C-alpha atoms as a PDB file:
ATOM      1  CA  UNK A   1      -0.060  -0.253   0.185  1.00  0.00           C
ATOM      2  CA  UNK A   2       2.722   2.413   0.890  1.00  0.00           C
ATOM      3  CA  UNK A   3       2.435   5.674   2.241  1.00  0.00           C
ATOM      4  CA  UNK A   4       0.609   6.993  -0.864  1.00  0.00           C
ATOM      5  CA  UNK A   5      -1.904   4.061  -0.708  1.00  0.00           C
ATOM      6  CA  UNK A   6      -2.234   4.578   3.356  1.00  0.00           C
ATOM      7  CA  UNK A   7      -3.216   8.299   2.947  1.00  0.00           C
ATOM      8  CA  UNK A   8      -5.750   7.519   0.188  1.00  0.00           C
ATOM      9  CA  UNK A   9      -7.450   4.900   1.984  1.00  0.00           C
ATOM     10  CA  UNK A  10      -7.448   7.188   5.383  1.00  0.00           C
ATOM     11  CA  UNK A  11      -9.016  10.168   3.334  1.00  0.00           C
ATOM     12  CA  UNK A  12     -11.456   7.640   1.586  1.00  0.00           C
ATOM     13  CA  UNK A  13     -12.358   6.276   5.283  1.00  0.00           C
ATOM     14  CA  UNK A  14     -12.804   9.936   6.654  1.00  0.00           C
ATOM     15  CA  UNK A  15     -15.235  10.652   3.625  1.00  0.00           C
ATOM     16  CA  UNK A  16     -17.370   7.510   3.812  1.00  0.00           C
ATOM     17  CA  UNK A  17     -17.602   7.981   7.540  1.00  0.00           C
ATOM     18  CA  UNK A  18     -19.028  11.724   7.369  1.00  0.00           C
ATOM     19  CA  UNK A  19     -21.099  10.508   4.216  1.00  0.00           C
ATOM     20  CA  UNK A  20     -22.945   7.867   6.153  1.00  0.00           C
ATOM     21  CA  UNK A  21     -23.124  10.090   9.341  1.00  0.00           C
ATOM     22  CA  UNK A  22     -24.504  12.988   7.448  1.00  0.00           C
ATOM     23  CA  UNK A  23     -27.182  10.922   5.566  1.00  0.00           C
ATOM     24  CA  UNK A  24     -28.335   9.260   8.774  1.00  0.00           C
ATOM     25  CA  UNK A  25     -28.394  12.336  10.998  1.00  0.00           C
ATOM     26  CA  UNK A  26     -32.217  12.864  10.235  1.00  0.00           C
ATOM     27  CA  UNK A  27     -32.773   9.781  12.236  1.00  0.00           C
ATOM     28  CA  UNK A  28     -30.108   8.715  14.081  1.00  0.00           C
ATOM     29  CA  UNK A  29     -27.673  10.781  16.289  1.00  0.00           C
ATOM     30  CA  UNK A  30     -24.450  10.319  16.097  1.00  0.00           C
ATOM     31  CA  UNK A  31     -21.971  10.743  19.175  1.00  0.00           C
ATOM     32  CA  UNK A  32     -18.676  12.372  19.476  1.00  0.00           C
ATOM     33  CA  UNK A  33     -18.565  14.840  16.594  1.00  0.00           C
ATOM     34  CA  UNK A  34     -15.938  17.254  16.346  1.00  0.00           C
ATOM     35  CA  UNK A  35     -16.430  21.183  16.623  1.00  0.00           C
ATOM     36  CA  UNK A  36     -17.388  21.536  12.900  1.00  0.00           C
ATOM     37  CA  UNK A  37     -19.871  18.495  13.075  1.00  0.00           C
ATOM     38  CA  UNK A  38     -17.690  15.942  11.541  1.00  0.00           C
ATOM     39  CA  UNK A  39     -16.554  12.642  12.509  1.00  0.00           C
ATOM     40  CA  UNK A  40     -12.965  10.882  11.844  1.00  0.00           C
ATOM     41  CA  UNK A  41     -13.018   7.390  10.181  1.00  0.00           C
ATOM     42  CA  UNK A  42     -15.676   6.102  12.374  1.00  0.00           C
ATOM     43  CA  UNK A  43     -18.745   7.075  13.675  1.00  0.00           C
ATOM     44  CA  UNK A  44     -21.104   5.989  16.452  1.00  0.00           C
ATOM     45  CA  UNK A  45     -24.780   6.305  16.270  1.00  0.00           C
ATOM     46  CA  UNK A  46     -27.036   6.344  19.587  1.00  0.00           C
ATOM     47  CA  UNK A  47     -29.929   3.779  19.181  1.00  0.00           C
ATOM     48  CA  UNK A  48     -31.505   4.188  22.683  1.00  0.00           C
ATOM     49  CA  UNK A  49     -34.553   5.842  21.132  1.00  0.00           C
ATOM     50  CA  UNK A  50     -35.616   2.746  19.236  1.00  0.00           C
ATOM     51  CA  UNK A  51     -35.816   0.498  21.978  1.00  0.00           C
ATOM     52  CA  UNK A  52     -38.130   2.743  23.673  1.00  0.00           C
ATOM     53  CA  UNK A  53     -40.181   3.702  20.561  1.00  0.00           C
ATOM     54  CA  UNK A  54     -40.029   0.450  18.547  1.00  0.00           C
ATOM     55  CA  UNK A  55     -38.635  -2.152  20.872  1.00  0.00           C
ATOM     56  CA  UNK A  56     -35.702  -2.311  18.528  1.00  0.00           C
ATOM     57  CA  UNK A  57     -32.063  -2.812  19.784  1.00  0.00           C
ATOM     58  CA  UNK A  58     -28.777  -2.335  18.285  1.00  0.00           C
ATOM     59  CA  UNK A  59     -28.337  -6.130  17.979  1.00  0.00           C
ATOM     60  CA  UNK A  60     -31.615  -5.825  15.798  1.00  0.00           C
ATOM     61  CA  UNK A  61     -29.933  -3.657  13.421  1.00  0.00           C
ATOM     62  CA  UNK A  62     -26.398  -5.137  13.304  1.00  0.00           C
ATOM     63  CA  UNK A  63     -28.363  -8.660  12.433  1.00  0.00           C
ATOM     64  CA  UNK A  64     -30.239  -7.021   9.669  1.00  0.00           C
ATOM     65  CA  UNK A  65     -27.102  -5.593   8.229  1.00  0.00           C
ATOM     66  CA  UNK A  66     -25.455  -9.221   8.263  1.00  0.00           C
ATOM     67  CA  UNK A  67     -28.644 -10.311   6.635  1.00  0.00           C
ATOM     68  CA  UNK A  68     -27.565  -8.118   3.561  1.00  0.00           C
ATOM     69  CA  UNK A  69     -23.841  -9.127   3.805  1.00  0.00           C
ATOM     70  CA  UNK A  70     -22.332  -6.450   5.425  1.00  0.00           C
ATOM     71  CA  UNK A  71     -20.009  -6.907   8.665  1.00  0.00           C
ATOM     72  CA  UNK A  72     -21.709  -6.015  11.716  1.00  0.00           C
ATOM     73  CA  UNK A  73     -20.811  -2.820  13.364  1.00  0.00           C
ATOM     74  CA  UNK A  74     -19.218  -2.920  16.997  1.00  0.00           C
ATOM     75  CA  UNK A  75     -21.983  -2.486  19.254  1.00  0.00           C
ATOM     76  CA  UNK A  76     -22.449  -0.991  22.733  1.00  0.00           C
ATOM     77  CA  UNK A  77     -19.045   0.380  22.799  1.00  0.00           C
ATOM     78  CA  UNK A  78     -17.707   2.757  23.497  1.00  0.00           C
ATOM     79  CA  UNK A  79     -21.362   3.786  24.644  1.00  0.00           C
ATOM     80  CA  UNK A  80     -24.154   1.409  25.708  1.00  0.00           C
ATOM     81  CA  UNK A  81     -26.924   0.921  23.190  1.00  0.00           C
ATOM     82  CA  UNK A  82     -24.845   2.543  20.571  1.00  0.00           C
ATOM     83  CA  UNK A  83     -23.620   0.936  16.986  1.00  0.00           C
ATOM     84  CA  UNK A  84     -20.121   2.090  15.929  1.00  0.00           C
ATOM     85  CA  UNK A  85     -19.438   2.124  12.121  1.00  0.00           C
ATOM     86  CA  UNK A  86     -15.385   1.894  11.240  1.00  0.00           C
ATOM     87  CA  UNK A  87     -13.562   1.860   8.019  1.00  0.00           C
ATOM     88  CA  UNK A  88     -16.222   1.174   5.593  1.00  0.00           C
ATOM     89  CA  UNK A  89     -14.250   1.431   2.083  1.00  0.00           C
ATOM     90  CA  UNK A  90     -16.763   0.077  -0.425  1.00  0.00           C
ATOM     91  CA  UNK A  91     -15.610  -0.205  -4.243  1.00  0.00           C
ATOM     92  CA  UNK A  92     -18.636   1.578  -5.392  1.00  0.00           C
ATOM     93  CA  UNK A  93     -20.671   4.400  -4.288  1.00  0.00           C
ATOM     94  CA  UNK A  94     -23.834   2.328  -4.755  1.00  0.00           C
ATOM     95  CA  UNK A  95     -22.817  -0.020  -2.186  1.00  0.00           C
ATOM     96  CA  UNK A  96     -22.050   2.820   0.496  1.00  0.00           C
ATOM     97  CA  UNK A  97     -25.543   4.205  -0.607  1.00  0.00           C
ATOM     98  CA  UNK A  98     -27.363   0.886  -0.348  1.00  0.00           C
ATOM     99  CA  UNK A  99     -25.327   0.490   3.287  1.00  0.00           C
ATOM    100  CA  UNK A 100     -26.832   3.705   4.499  1.00  0.00           C
ATOM    101  CA  UNK A 101     -30.393   2.839   2.993  1.00  0.00           C
ATOM    102  CA  UNK A 102     -30.421  -0.374   5.445  1.00  0.00           C
ATOM    103  CA  UNK A 103     -30.170   1.779   8.396  1.00  0.00           C
ATOM    104  CA  UNK A 104     -33.523   3.303   7.110  1.00  0.00           C
ATOM    105  CA  UNK A 105     -35.496   0.220   7.743  1.00  0.00           C
ATOM    106  CA  UNK A 106     -35.635   1.080  11.434  1.00  0.00           C
ATOM    107  CA  UNK A 107     -37.105   4.508  10.927  1.00  0.00           C
END
């Protein structure tokens, strides 16, 4: 990969994380944003409200993502009742958008 490849992979990961966080912000609260509302290469969404409103937990969302062939996100770390999406680097924008749209199944 080398220095150039590592830099490019980091840039893509940061861009993808912010794209996903921004697309989901209408329905999911992103925790730990920076001063300009951005995230790094990962982001954490709070799903506590879904338990209250629809009896859906983080594990339910993670399992559904796996049903569609996506790796399950880290759950309940660093915050309880949260999902952490990290280093998602699809080869095509379609895959990224499809991944984001799966989260809309729960809103």
